C-alpha atoms as a PDB file:
ATOM      1  CA  MET A   1       0.000   0.000   0.000  1.00  0.00           C
ATOM      2  CA  ALA A   2       2.920   2.357   0.550  1.00  0.00           C
ATOM      3  CA  GLY A   3       3.220   4.751  -2.341  1.00  0.00           C
ATOM      4  CA  LEU A   4      -0.372   4.370  -3.547  1.00  0.00           C
ATOM      5  CA  THR A   5      -0.934   7.462  -5.685  1.00  0.00           C
ATOM      6  CA  ILE A   6      -4.200   8.249  -7.414  1.00  0.00           C
ATOM      7  CA  ALA A   7      -4.272  11.216  -9.761  1.00  0.00           C
ATOM      8  CA  PRO A   8      -5.849  12.404 -13.029  1.00  0.00           C
ATOM      9  CA  GLY A   9      -3.752  11.634 -16.064  1.00  0.00           C
ATOM     10  CA  GLN A  10      -1.984   8.887 -14.162  1.00  0.00           C
ATOM     11  CA  THR A  11      -4.621   6.590 -12.688  1.00  0.00           C
ATOM     12  CA  LYS A  12      -6.893   4.546 -14.953  1.00  0.00           C
ATOM     13  CA  ILE A  13     -10.372   4.170 -13.534  1.00  0.00           C
ATOM     14  CA  GLY A  14     -13.011   1.576 -14.253  1.00  0.00           C
ATOM     15  CA  TRP A  15     -16.729   2.174 -13.784  1.00  0.00           C
ATOM     16  CA  ILE A  16     -19.481  -0.432 -13.498  1.00  0.00           C
ATOM     17  CA  GLY A  17     -23.100   0.733 -13.543  1.00  0.00           C
ATOM     18  CA  THR A  18     -24.205   3.843 -15.447  1.00  0.00           C
ATOM     19  CA  GLY A  19     -27.713   4.407 -14.149  1.00  0.00           C
ATOM     20  CA  VAL A  20     -29.454   7.490 -12.739  1.00  0.00           C
ATOM     21  CA  MET A  21     -26.443   8.416 -10.587  1.00  0.00           C
ATOM     22  CA  GLY A  22     -23.505   6.404 -11.929  1.00  0.00           C
ATOM     23  CA  SER A  23     -23.355   8.099 -15.311  1.00  0.00           C
ATOM     24  CA  SER A  24     -22.992  11.567 -13.780  1.00  0.00           C
ATOM     25  CA  MET A  25     -20.480  10.388 -11.180  1.00  0.00           C
ATOM     26  CA  CYS A  26     -18.213   8.745 -13.731  1.00  0.00           C
ATOM     27  CA  GLY A  27     -18.627  11.746 -16.021  1.00  0.00           C
ATOM     28  CA  HIS A  28     -17.206  14.037 -13.337  1.00  0.00           C
ATOM     29  CA  LEU A  29     -14.129  11.827 -13.028  1.00  0.00           C
ATOM     30  CA  ILE A  30     -13.587  11.963 -16.773  1.00  0.00           C
ATOM     31  CA  ASP A  31     -14.010  15.742 -16.695  1.00  0.00           C
ATOM     32  CA  LYS A  32     -11.256  15.889 -14.059  1.00  0.00           C
ATOM     33  CA  GLY A  33      -8.868  14.104 -16.392  1.00  0.00           C
ATOM     34  CA  PHE A  34      -9.193  10.447 -15.441  1.00  0.00           C
ATOM     35  CA  SER A  35      -9.288   7.949 -18.309  1.00  0.00           C
ATOM     36  CA  ALA A  36     -12.181   5.526 -17.870  1.00  0.00           C
ATOM     37  CA  THR A  37     -13.221   2.052 -18.939  1.00  0.00           C
ATOM     38  CA  VAL A  38     -16.912   1.366 -18.407  1.00  0.00           C
ATOM     39  CA  TYR A  39     -19.362  -1.518 -18.300  1.00  0.00           C
ATOM     40  CA  THR A  40     -23.103  -1.649 -17.757  1.00  0.00           C
ATOM     41  CA  ARG A  41     -25.733  -4.212 -18.664  1.00  0.00           C
ATOM     42  CA  SER A  42     -27.124  -2.015 -21.432  1.00  0.00           C
ATOM     43  CA  LYS A  43     -24.399  -0.420 -23.542  1.00  0.00           C
ATOM     44  CA  GLU A  44     -26.838   2.272 -24.618  1.00  0.00           C
ATOM     45  CA  LYS A  45     -26.870   3.613 -21.045  1.00  0.00           C
ATOM     46  CA  ALA A  46     -23.130   4.228 -21.324  1.00  0.00           C
ATOM     47  CA  LYS A  47     -23.430   6.317 -24.489  1.00  0.00           C
ATOM     48  CA  ALA A  48     -22.913   9.675 -22.771  1.00  0.00           C
ATOM     49  CA  LEU A  49     -19.692   8.412 -21.174  1.00  0.00           C
ATOM     50  CA  LEU A  50     -18.465   6.820 -24.382  1.00  0.00           C
ATOM     51  CA  ASP A  51     -19.087  10.154 -26.106  1.00  0.00           C
ATOM     52  CA  LYS A  52     -16.859  11.743 -23.447  1.00  0.00           C
ATOM     53  CA  GLY A  53     -14.035   9.392 -24.393  1.00  0.00           C
ATOM     54  CA  ALA A  54     -14.582   6.394 -22.126  1.00  0.00           C
ATOM     55  CA  THR A  55     -13.689   2.925 -23.402  1.00  0.00           C
ATOM     56  CA  TRP A  56     -16.251   0.131 -23.386  1.00  0.00           C
ATOM     57  CA  ALA A  57     -15.546  -3.257 -21.782  1.00  0.00           C
ATOM     58  CA  ASP A  58     -17.687  -6.368 -22.098  1.00  0.00           C
ATOM     59  CA  SER A  59     -17.588  -7.426 -18.433  1.00  0.00           C
ATOM     60  CA  PRO A  60     -16.619  -6.253 -14.937  1.00  0.00           C
ATOM     61  CA  LYS A  61     -13.553  -8.500 -15.207  1.00  0.00           C
ATOM     62  CA  ALA A  62     -12.493  -6.740 -18.407  1.00  0.00           C
ATOM     63  CA  VAL A  63     -13.018  -3.365 -16.711  1.00  0.00           C
ATOM     64  CA  ALA A  64     -10.653  -4.377 -13.911  1.00  0.00           C
ATOM     65  CA  GLU A  65      -8.043  -5.724 -16.303  1.00  0.00           C
ATOM     66  CA  ALA A  66      -7.846  -2.271 -17.907  1.00  0.00           C
ATOM     67  CA  SER A  67      -7.989  -0.214 -14.688  1.00  0.00           C
ATOM     68  CA  ASP A  68      -6.212   0.720 -11.472  1.00  0.00           C
ATOM     69  CA  VAL A  69      -9.272   1.765  -9.461  1.00  0.00           C
ATOM     70  CA  ILE A  70     -12.621   0.106 -10.156  1.00  0.00           C
ATOM     71  CA  PHE A  71     -15.846   1.791  -9.047  1.00  0.00           C
ATOM     72  CA  ALA A  72     -19.306   0.236  -9.100  1.00  0.00           C
ATOM     73  CA  ILE A  73     -22.764   1.562  -8.327  1.00  0.00           C
ATOM     74  CA  VAL A  74     -25.387  -1.045  -9.179  1.00  0.00           C
ATOM     75  CA  GLY A  75     -28.785  -2.033  -7.828  1.00  0.00           C
ATOM     76  CA  PHE A  76     -28.959  -4.773  -5.237  1.00  0.00           C
ATOM     77  CA  PRO A  77     -26.576  -6.804  -3.052  1.00  0.00           C
ATOM     78  CA  ASN A  78     -26.767  -9.755  -5.455  1.00  0.00           C
ATOM     79  CA  ASP A  79     -25.622  -7.386  -8.230  1.00  0.00           C
ATOM     80  CA  VAL A  80     -22.744  -6.199  -6.037  1.00  0.00           C
ATOM     81  CA  ARG A  81     -21.704  -9.787  -5.382  1.00  0.00           C
ATOM     82  CA  GLU A  82     -21.801 -10.597  -9.091  1.00  0.00           C
ATOM     83  CA  VAL A  83     -19.828  -7.576 -10.316  1.00  0.00           C
ATOM     84  CA  PHE A  84     -17.133  -7.889  -7.648  1.00  0.00           C
ATOM     85  CA  LEU A  85     -16.916 -11.553  -6.661  1.00  0.00           C
ATOM     86  CA  GLY A  86     -18.410 -13.399  -9.632  1.00  0.00           C
ATOM     87  CA  ASP A  87     -16.332 -15.530 -12.007  1.00  0.00           C
ATOM     88  CA  ASP A  88     -16.447 -12.643 -14.471  1.00  0.00           C
ATOM     89  CA  GLY A  89     -16.279 -10.003 -11.746  1.00  0.00           C
ATOM     90  CA  ALA A  90     -13.892  -7.170 -11.004  1.00  0.00           C
ATOM     91  CA  LEU A  91     -11.828  -9.044  -8.422  1.00  0.00           C
ATOM     92  CA  ALA A  92     -11.160 -11.829 -10.933  1.00  0.00           C
ATOM     93  CA  GLY A  93      -9.660  -9.239 -13.284  1.00  0.00           C
ATOM     94  CA  SER A  94      -7.718  -7.317 -10.639  1.00  0.00           C
ATOM     95  CA  LYS A  95      -3.999  -7.409 -10.011  1.00  0.00           C
ATOM     96  CA  SER A  96      -2.204  -6.751  -6.737  1.00  0.00           C
ATOM     97  CA  GLY A  97      -2.432  -3.081  -5.826  1.00  0.00           C
ATOM     98  CA  ASN A  98      -5.749  -2.426  -7.540  1.00  0.00           C
ATOM     99  CA  VAL A  99      -8.525  -0.700  -5.587  1.00  0.00           C
ATOM    100  CA  LEU A 100     -12.182  -1.809  -5.614  1.00  0.00           C
ATOM    101  CA  VAL A 101     -14.748   0.839  -4.618  1.00  0.00           C
ATOM    102  CA  ASP A 102     -18.385  -0.135  -4.113  1.00  0.00           C
ATOM    103  CA  MET A 103     -20.627   2.945  -4.114  1.00  0.00           C
ATOM    104  CA  THR A 104     -23.849   0.931  -4.112  1.00  0.00           C
ATOM    105  CA  THR A 105     -25.971   0.952  -0.969  1.00  0.00           C
ATOM    106  CA  SER A 106     -25.526  -2.660   0.071  1.00  0.00           C
ATOM    107  CA  GLU A 107     -25.092  -5.004   3.021  1.00  0.00           C
ATOM    108  CA  PRO A 108     -22.358  -4.181   5.537  1.00  0.00           C
ATOM    109  CA  SER A 109     -21.524  -7.886   5.809  1.00  0.00           C
ATOM    110  CA  LEU A 110     -21.003  -8.086   2.042  1.00  0.00           C
ATOM    111  CA  ALA A 111     -18.617  -5.122   2.218  1.00  0.00           C
ATOM    112  CA  VAL A 112     -16.575  -7.045   4.783  1.00  0.00           C
ATOM    113  CA  GLU A 113     -16.663 -10.179   2.606  1.00  0.00           C
ATOM    114  CA  ILE A 114     -15.431  -8.255  -0.446  1.00  0.00           C
ATOM    115  CA  SER A 115     -12.689  -6.645   1.645  1.00  0.00           C
ATOM    116  CA  GLU A 116     -11.440 -10.007   2.914  1.00  0.00           C
ATOM    117  CA  ALA A 117     -11.529 -11.592  -0.550  1.00  0.00           C
ATOM    118  CA  ALA A 118      -9.660  -8.605  -1.988  1.00  0.00           C
ATOM    119  CA  LYS A 119      -6.953  -8.699   0.699  1.00  0.00           C
ATOM    120  CA  ALA A 120      -6.289 -12.351  -0.090  1.00  0.00           C
ATOM    121  CA  LYS A 121      -5.314 -11.227  -3.593  1.00  0.00           C
ATOM    122  CA  GLY A 122      -3.365  -8.121  -2.548  1.00  0.00           C
ATOM    123  CA  VAL A 123      -6.193  -5.844  -3.675  1.00  0.00           C
ATOM    124  CA  HIS A 124      -7.639  -2.928  -1.656  1.00  0.00           C
ATOM    125  CA  SER A 125     -11.379  -2.570  -1.098  1.00  0.00           C
ATOM    126  CA  VAL A 126     -13.524   0.369   0.030  1.00  0.00           C
ATOM    127  CA  ASP A 127     -17.269   0.661   0.613  1.00  0.00           C
ATOM    128  CA  ALA A 128     -18.505   4.178  -0.167  1.00  0.00           C
ATOM    129  CA  PRO A 129     -22.287   4.514  -0.521  1.00  0.00           C
ATOM    130  CA  VAL A 130     -23.622   7.963  -1.311  1.00  0.00           C
ATOM    131  CA  SER A 131     -26.574  10.211  -0.574  1.00  0.00           C
ATOM    132  CA  GLY A 132     -27.881  13.104  -2.635  1.00  0.00           C
ATOM    133  CA  GLY A 133     -29.853  11.464  -5.419  1.00  0.00           C
ATOM    134  CA  ASP A 134     -29.736  12.347  -9.082  1.00  0.00           C
ATOM    135  CA  VAL A 135     -29.359  16.075  -8.398  1.00  0.00           C
ATOM    136  CA  GLY A 136     -26.431  15.548  -6.034  1.00  0.00           C
ATOM    137  CA  ALA A 137     -24.783  13.268  -8.579  1.00  0.00           C
ATOM    138  CA  LYS A 138     -25.257  15.736 -11.434  1.00  0.00           C
ATOM    139  CA  GLU A 139     -23.971  18.666  -9.396  1.00  0.00           C
ATOM    140  CA  ALA A 140     -21.053  16.726  -7.842  1.00  0.00           C
ATOM    141  CA  ARG A 141     -22.209  17.446  -4.295  1.00  0.00           C
ATOM    142  CA  LEU A 142     -22.935  13.984  -2.959  1.00  0.00           C
ATOM    143  CA  SER A 143     -22.398  12.945   0.629  1.00  0.00           C
ATOM    144  CA  ILE A 144     -19.966  10.006   0.530  1.00  0.00           C
ATOM    145  CA  MET A 145     -19.819   7.649   3.524  1.00  0.00           C
ATOM    146  CA  ILE A 146     -16.663   5.562   3.468  1.00  0.00           C
ATOM    147  CA  GLY A 147     -15.473   2.352   5.075  1.00  0.00           C
ATOM    148  CA  GLY A 148     -12.009   0.903   4.564  1.00  0.00           C
ATOM    149  CA  ASP A 149      -8.315   1.394   5.240  1.00  0.00           C
ATOM    150  CA  LYS A 150      -7.639   5.075   5.950  1.00  0.00           C
ATOM    151  CA  GLU A 151      -4.528   5.302   3.784  1.00  0.00           C
ATOM    152  CA  VAL A 152      -6.427   3.943   0.784  1.00  0.00           C
ATOM    153  CA  VAL A 153      -9.378   6.221   1.494  1.00  0.00           C
ATOM    154  CA  ASP A 154      -7.058   9.229   1.694  1.00  0.00           C
ATOM    155  CA  ALA A 155      -5.332   8.274  -1.547  1.00  0.00           C
ATOM    156  CA  LEU A 156      -8.734   8.306  -3.277  1.00  0.00           C
ATOM    157  CA  GLN A 157      -9.351  11.939  -2.292  1.00  0.00           C
ATOM    158  CA  PRO A 158      -9.056  13.288  -5.874  1.00  0.00           C
ATOM    159  CA  CYS A 159     -11.864  10.929  -6.862  1.00  0.00           C
ATOM    160  CA  TRP A 160     -14.078  11.753  -3.882  1.00  0.00           C
ATOM    161  CA  GLU A 161     -13.661  15.480  -4.520  1.00  0.00           C
ATOM    162  CA  ALA A 162     -14.743  15.040  -8.142  1.00  0.00           C
ATOM    163  CA  MET A 163     -18.061  13.514  -7.072  1.00  0.00           C
ATOM    164  CA  GLY A 164     -18.996  14.880  -3.676  1.00  0.00           C
ATOM    165  CA  LYS A 165     -18.927  17.691  -1.158  1.00  0.00           C
ATOM    166  CA  THR A 166     -19.296  15.847   2.155  1.00  0.00           C
ATOM    167  CA  ILE A 167     -16.608  13.175   2.330  1.00  0.00           C
ATOM    168  CA  VAL A 168     -16.277  11.318   5.619  1.00  0.00           C
ATOM    169  CA  HIS A 169     -14.237   8.228   6.484  1.00  0.00           C
ATOM    170  CA  GLN A 170     -16.465   6.314   8.920  1.00  0.00           C
ATOM    171  CA  GLY A 171     -14.167   3.431   9.863  1.00  0.00           C
ATOM    172  CA  SER A 172     -13.181  -0.034   8.718  1.00  0.00           C
ATOM    173  CA  ALA A 173     -14.836  -2.188   6.035  1.00  0.00           C
ATOM    174  CA  GLY A 174     -18.625  -2.049   6.311  1.00  0.00           C
ATOM    175  CA  ALA A 175     -18.696   1.230   8.246  1.00  0.00           C
ATOM    176  CA  GLY A 176     -19.713   3.176   5.158  1.00  0.00           C
ATOM    177  CA  GLN A 177     -22.670   0.868   4.601  1.00  0.00           C
ATOM    178  CA  HIS A 178     -23.742   1.054   8.248  1.00  0.00           C
ATOM    179  CA  THR A 179     -23.659   4.859   8.019  1.00  0.00           C
ATOM    180  CA  LYS A 180     -25.843   4.733   4.909  1.00  0.00           C
ATOM    181  CA  MET A 181     -28.363   2.687   6.896  1.00  0.00           C
ATOM    182  CA  VAL A 182     -28.490   5.534   9.434  1.00  0.00           C
ATOM    183  CA  ASN A 183     -29.097   7.903   6.511  1.00  0.00           C
ATOM    184  CA  GLN A 184     -31.890   5.790   5.026  1.00  0.00           C
ATOM    185  CA  THR A 185     -33.572   5.346   8.404  1.00  0.00           C
ATOM    186  CA  LEU A 186     -33.653   9.124   8.789  1.00  0.00           C
ATOM    187  CA  ILE A 187     -35.083   9.614   5.305  1.00  0.00           C
ATOM    188  CA  SER A 188     -37.747   6.903   5.612  1.00  0.00           C
ATOM    189  CA  SER A 189     -39.758   8.610   8.356  1.00  0.00           C
ATOM    190  CA  MET A 190     -38.954  12.073   6.972  1.00  0.00           C
ATOM    191  CA  MET A 191     -40.614  11.227   3.658  1.00  0.00           C
ATOM    192  CA  ILE A 192     -43.789  10.187   5.474  1.00  0.00           C
ATOM    193  CA  GLY A 193     -43.824  13.593   7.173  1.00  0.00           C
ATOM    194  CA  VAL A 194     -43.216  15.494   3.934  1.00  0.00           C
ATOM    195  CA  CYS A 195     -46.016  13.719   2.080  1.00  0.00           C
ATOM    196  CA  GLU A 196     -48.539  13.813   4.914  1.00  0.00           C
ATOM    197  CA  ALA A 197     -47.851  17.519   5.541  1.00  0.00           C
ATOM    198  CA  LEU A 198     -48.384  18.465   1.899  1.00  0.00           C
ATOM    199  CA  LEU A 199     -51.518  16.317   1.756  1.00  0.00           C
ATOM    200  CA  TYR A 200     -52.851  18.084   4.864  1.00  0.00           C
ATOM    201  CA  GLY A 201     -52.106  21.492   3.378  1.00  0.00           C
ATOM    202  CA  TYR A 202     -53.896  20.617   0.163  1.00  0.00           C
ATOM    203  CA  LYS A 203     -57.026  19.336   1.922  1.00  0.00           C
ATOM    204  CA  ALA A 204     -57.059  22.437   4.132  1.00  0.00           C
ATOM    205  CA  GLY A 205     -57.336  24.525   0.976  1.00  0.00           C
ATOM    206  CA  LEU A 206     -53.932  26.160   1.273  1.00  0.00           C
ATOM    207  CA  ASP A 207     -51.706  27.212  -1.612  1.00  0.00           C
ATOM    208  CA  LEU A 208     -48.812  24.793  -1.216  1.00  0.00           C
ATOM    209  CA  GLU A 209     -46.212  27.047  -2.841  1.00  0.00           C
ATOM    210  CA  THR A 210     -47.089  29.739  -0.296  1.00  0.00           C
ATOM    211  CA  VAL A 211     -46.993  27.219   2.548  1.00  0.00           C
ATOM    212  CA  MET A 212     -43.500  26.180   1.481  1.00  0.00           C
ATOM    213  CA  LYS A 213     -42.258  29.757   1.951  1.00  0.00           C
ATOM    214  CA  SER A 214     -43.096  29.479   5.649  1.00  0.00           C
ATOM    215  CA  VAL A 215     -42.134  25.916   6.488  1.00  0.00           C
ATOM    216  CA  SER A 216     -39.148  25.056   4.311  1.00  0.00           C
ATOM    217  CA  THR A 217     -36.672  27.389   6.014  1.00  0.00           C
ATOM    218  CA  GLY A 218     -37.697  26.905   9.660  1.00  0.00           C
ATOM    219  CA  ALA A 219     -37.330  24.030  12.099  1.00  0.00           C
ATOM    220  CA  ALA A 220     -39.404  21.787   9.820  1.00  0.00           C
ATOM    221  CA  GLY A 221     -37.102  22.320   6.864  1.00  0.00           C
ATOM    222  CA  SER A 222     -35.222  19.403   5.306  1.00  0.00           C
ATOM    223  CA  TRP A 223     -33.471  18.360   2.115  1.00  0.00           C
ATOM    224  CA  SER A 224     -36.449  16.148   1.267  1.00  0.00           C
ATOM    225  CA  LEU A 225     -38.947  18.973   1.711  1.00  0.00           C
ATOM    226  CA  SER A 226     -36.930  21.537  -0.253  1.00  0.00           C
ATOM    227  CA  ASN A 227     -35.890  19.224  -3.091  1.00  0.00           C
ATOM    228  CA  LEU A 228     -38.720  16.711  -3.382  1.00  0.00           C
ATOM    229  CA  GLY A 229     -41.611  18.875  -2.162  1.00  0.00           C
ATOM    230  CA  PRO A 230     -41.631  20.935  -5.385  1.00  0.00           C
ATOM    231  CA  ARG A 231     -41.517  17.750  -7.445  1.00  0.00           C
ATOM    232  CA  ILE A 232     -44.522  16.376  -5.555  1.00  0.00           C
ATOM    233  CA  MET A 233     -46.462  19.588  -6.109  1.00  0.00           C
ATOM    234  CA  ALA A 234     -45.581  19.484  -9.824  1.00  0.00           C
ATOM    235  CA  ASN A 235     -46.647  15.822 -10.118  1.00  0.00           C
ATOM    236  CA  ASN A 236     -43.118  14.975 -11.207  1.00  0.00           C
ATOM    237  CA  PHE A 237     -42.418  11.532  -9.769  1.00  0.00           C
ATOM    238  CA  ASP A 238     -39.438  10.714 -11.960  1.00  0.00           C
ATOM    239  CA  PRO A 239     -36.742   8.897 -10.006  1.00  0.00           C
ATOM    240  CA  GLY A 240     -33.891  10.614  -8.298  1.00  0.00           C
ATOM    241  CA  PHE A 241     -33.763   7.366  -6.372  1.00  0.00           C
ATOM    242  CA  PHE A 242     -36.015   4.388  -7.163  1.00  0.00           C
ATOM    243  CA  VAL A 243     -38.731   3.255  -4.747  1.00  0.00           C
ATOM    244  CA  GLU A 244     -37.664  -0.357  -5.266  1.00  0.00           C
ATOM    245  CA  HIS A 245     -34.077   0.490  -4.284  1.00  0.00           C
ATOM    246  CA  PHE A 246     -35.285   2.336  -1.194  1.00  0.00           C
ATOM    247  CA  ILE A 247     -37.269  -0.741  -0.169  1.00  0.00           C
ATOM    248  CA  LYS A 248     -34.063  -2.749  -0.548  1.00  0.00           C
ATOM    249  CA  ASP A 249     -32.209  -0.294   1.676  1.00  0.00           C
ATOM    250  CA  MET A 250     -34.873  -0.344   4.382  1.00  0.00           C
ATOM    251  CA  GLY A 251     -34.851  -4.143   4.280  1.00  0.00           C
ATOM    252  CA  ILE A 252     -31.098  -4.142   4.902  1.00  0.00           C
ATOM    253  CA  ALA A 253     -31.484  -1.678   7.774  1.00  0.00           C
ATOM    254  CA  LEU A 254     -34.260  -3.751   9.351  1.00  0.00           C
ATOM    255  CA  ALA A 255     -32.199  -6.942   9.031  1.00  0.00           C
ATOM    256  CA  GLU A 256     -29.179  -5.261  10.617  1.00  0.00           C
ATOM    257  CA  SER A 257     -31.337  -3.829  13.414  1.00  0.00           C
ATOM    258  CA  ARG A 258     -32.647  -7.305  14.219  1.00  0.00           C
ATOM    259  CA  LYS A 259     -29.074  -8.580  14.469  1.00  0.00           C
ATOM    260  CA  MET A 260     -28.414  -5.820  17.012  1.00  0.00           C
ATOM    261  CA  GLY A 261     -31.611  -6.536  18.961  1.00  0.00           C
ATOM    262  CA  LEU A 262     -33.158  -3.156  18.102  1.00  0.00           C
ATOM    263  CA  SER A 263     -36.853  -2.344  17.790  1.00  0.00           C
ATOM    264  CA  MET A 264     -37.369   0.020  14.839  1.00  0.00           C
ATOM    265  CA  PRO A 265     -41.151   0.593  14.532  1.00  0.00           C
ATOM    266  CA  GLY A 266     -40.847   3.808  12.522  1.00  0.00           C
ATOM    267  CA  LEU A 267     -38.597   2.199   9.934  1.00  0.00           C
ATOM    268  CA  ALA A 268     -40.853  -0.861   9.777  1.00  0.00           C
ATOM    269  CA  LEU A 269     -43.908   1.332   9.124  1.00  0.00           C
ATOM    270  CA  ALA A 270     -42.124   3.243   6.373  1.00  0.00           C
ATOM    271  CA  GLU A 271     -41.011  -0.007   4.735  1.00  0.00           C
ATOM    272  CA  GLN A 272     -44.589  -1.301   4.697  1.00  0.00           C
ATOM    273  CA  LEU A 273     -45.918   1.934   3.217  1.00  0.00           C
ATOM    274  CA  TYR A 274     -43.318   1.781   0.484  1.00  0.00           C
ATOM    275  CA  GLN A 275     -44.218  -1.828  -0.203  1.00  0.00           C
ATOM    276  CA  SER A 276     -47.719  -0.533  -0.963  1.00  0.00           C
ATOM    277  CA  VAL A 277     -46.242   2.040  -3.352  1.00  0.00           C
ATOM    278  CA  LYS A 278     -44.439  -0.734  -5.212  1.00  0.00           C
ATOM    279  CA  ALA A 279     -47.534  -2.974  -5.196  1.00  0.00           C
ATOM    280  CA  LYS A 280     -49.482  -0.210  -6.947  1.00  0.00           C
ATOM    281  CA  GLY A 281     -46.932  -0.200  -9.768  1.00  0.00           C
ATOM    282  CA  TRP A 282     -44.806   2.781  -8.752  1.00  0.00           C
ATOM    283  CA  GLY A 283     -41.608   0.913  -7.898  1.00  0.00           C
ATOM    284  CA  LYS A 284     -39.681   2.597 -10.721  1.00  0.00           C
ATOM    285  CA  ASN A 285     -40.735   6.066  -9.575  1.00  0.00           C
ATOM    286  CA  GLY A 286     -38.835   8.259  -7.144  1.00  0.00           C
ATOM    287  CA  THR A 287     -39.160   7.855  -3.384  1.00  0.00           C
ATOM    288  CA  HIS A 288     -41.495  10.869  -3.253  1.00  0.00           C
ATOM    289  CA  ALA A 289     -44.094   8.718  -5.060  1.00  0.00           C
ATOM    290  CA  LEU A 290     -45.095   7.785  -1.523  1.00  0.00           C
ATOM    291  CA  MET A 291     -47.482  10.722  -1.884  1.00  0.00           C
ATOM    292  CA  LEU A 292     -49.516   8.820  -4.477  1.00  0.00           C
ATOM    293  CA  ALA A 293     -50.152   5.928  -2.094  1.00  0.00           C
ATOM    294  CA  LEU A 294     -50.877   8.124   0.942  1.00  0.00           C
ATOM    295  CA  ALA A 295     -53.246  10.329  -1.056  1.00  0.00           C
ATOM    296  CA  GLU A 296     -55.073   7.282  -2.364  1.00  0.00           C
ATOM    297  CA  MET A 297     -55.627   6.066   1.224  1.00  0.00           C
ATOM    298  CA  SER A 298     -57.534   9.298   1.835  1.00  0.00           C
ATOM    299  CA  GLY A 299     -59.493   9.155  -1.409  1.00  0.00           C
ATOM    300  CA  VAL A 300     -57.454  11.887  -3.077  1.00  0.00           C
ATOM    301  CA  ASP A 301     -56.268  11.563  -6.663  1.00  0.00           C
ATOM    302  CA  TRP A 302     -53.155  13.673  -6.216  1.00  0.00           C
ATOM    303  CA  THR A 303     -52.355  13.937  -9.907  1.00  0.00           C
ATOM    304  CA  LYS A 304     -55.820  15.398 -10.662  1.00  0.00           C
ATOM    305  CA  ARG A 305     -56.188  17.726  -7.673  1.00  0.00           C
END
């Protein structure tokens, strides 16, 4: 690990997963001068990066073979396992000294497993889930929560700074993922409050834009209210973060809480409400689509109000 240097024009990066957030994140690294090799299940989703000069690879293994630092942001823990530990995964294509960086929100135990498998091959591993959604990814102001060896994390600073504004090393392998579970637990109940409050205001006959002027900057203010409230009012439920991925995250948090002997009734309620959102066919919408389900419970067709 001594002498690990990561810098634009010198370090070759690999990127796996070019979805709602991944494409912007990798794009920022390219803009900073890093050469990139990319892979995603649908090559069409990588077009913007290929147009920026990225090179296409046919598998995560091929990405690693062409790279020094390999990032991934995919969907679910089984996807993480496949792209890092599968027969055609990034670890299989890595050489000693490479760095694997998982930016997916995934299981803390899987982060530890990847770290141990990587060490056995002389490869470094970091778990670095993010918060900030599509807007944070586009504007390079994500919050990045990092678990792994401090010297490796510090060496990656040029990469973190290209993608985020709040960059915090939380501890050893898995600590980044545990911190993201804290984040998702906070958001889960917050989104209930945002949606119920706007629903109340609407039924009370208030002008919601005017209401927002009073409540968004006081003690009730939050990122979710300021950023997703306007989308809810505009009936824009496009995903900054998918409902189905949020359900996955809450499931991980609930499983981890059970291991720790914790009772988490608020999180459990939020998870059940979001299950109803998915059951109604809105799993590919953004997390603020919770409003559609809550409004329906009260006999309100939010989109036709």
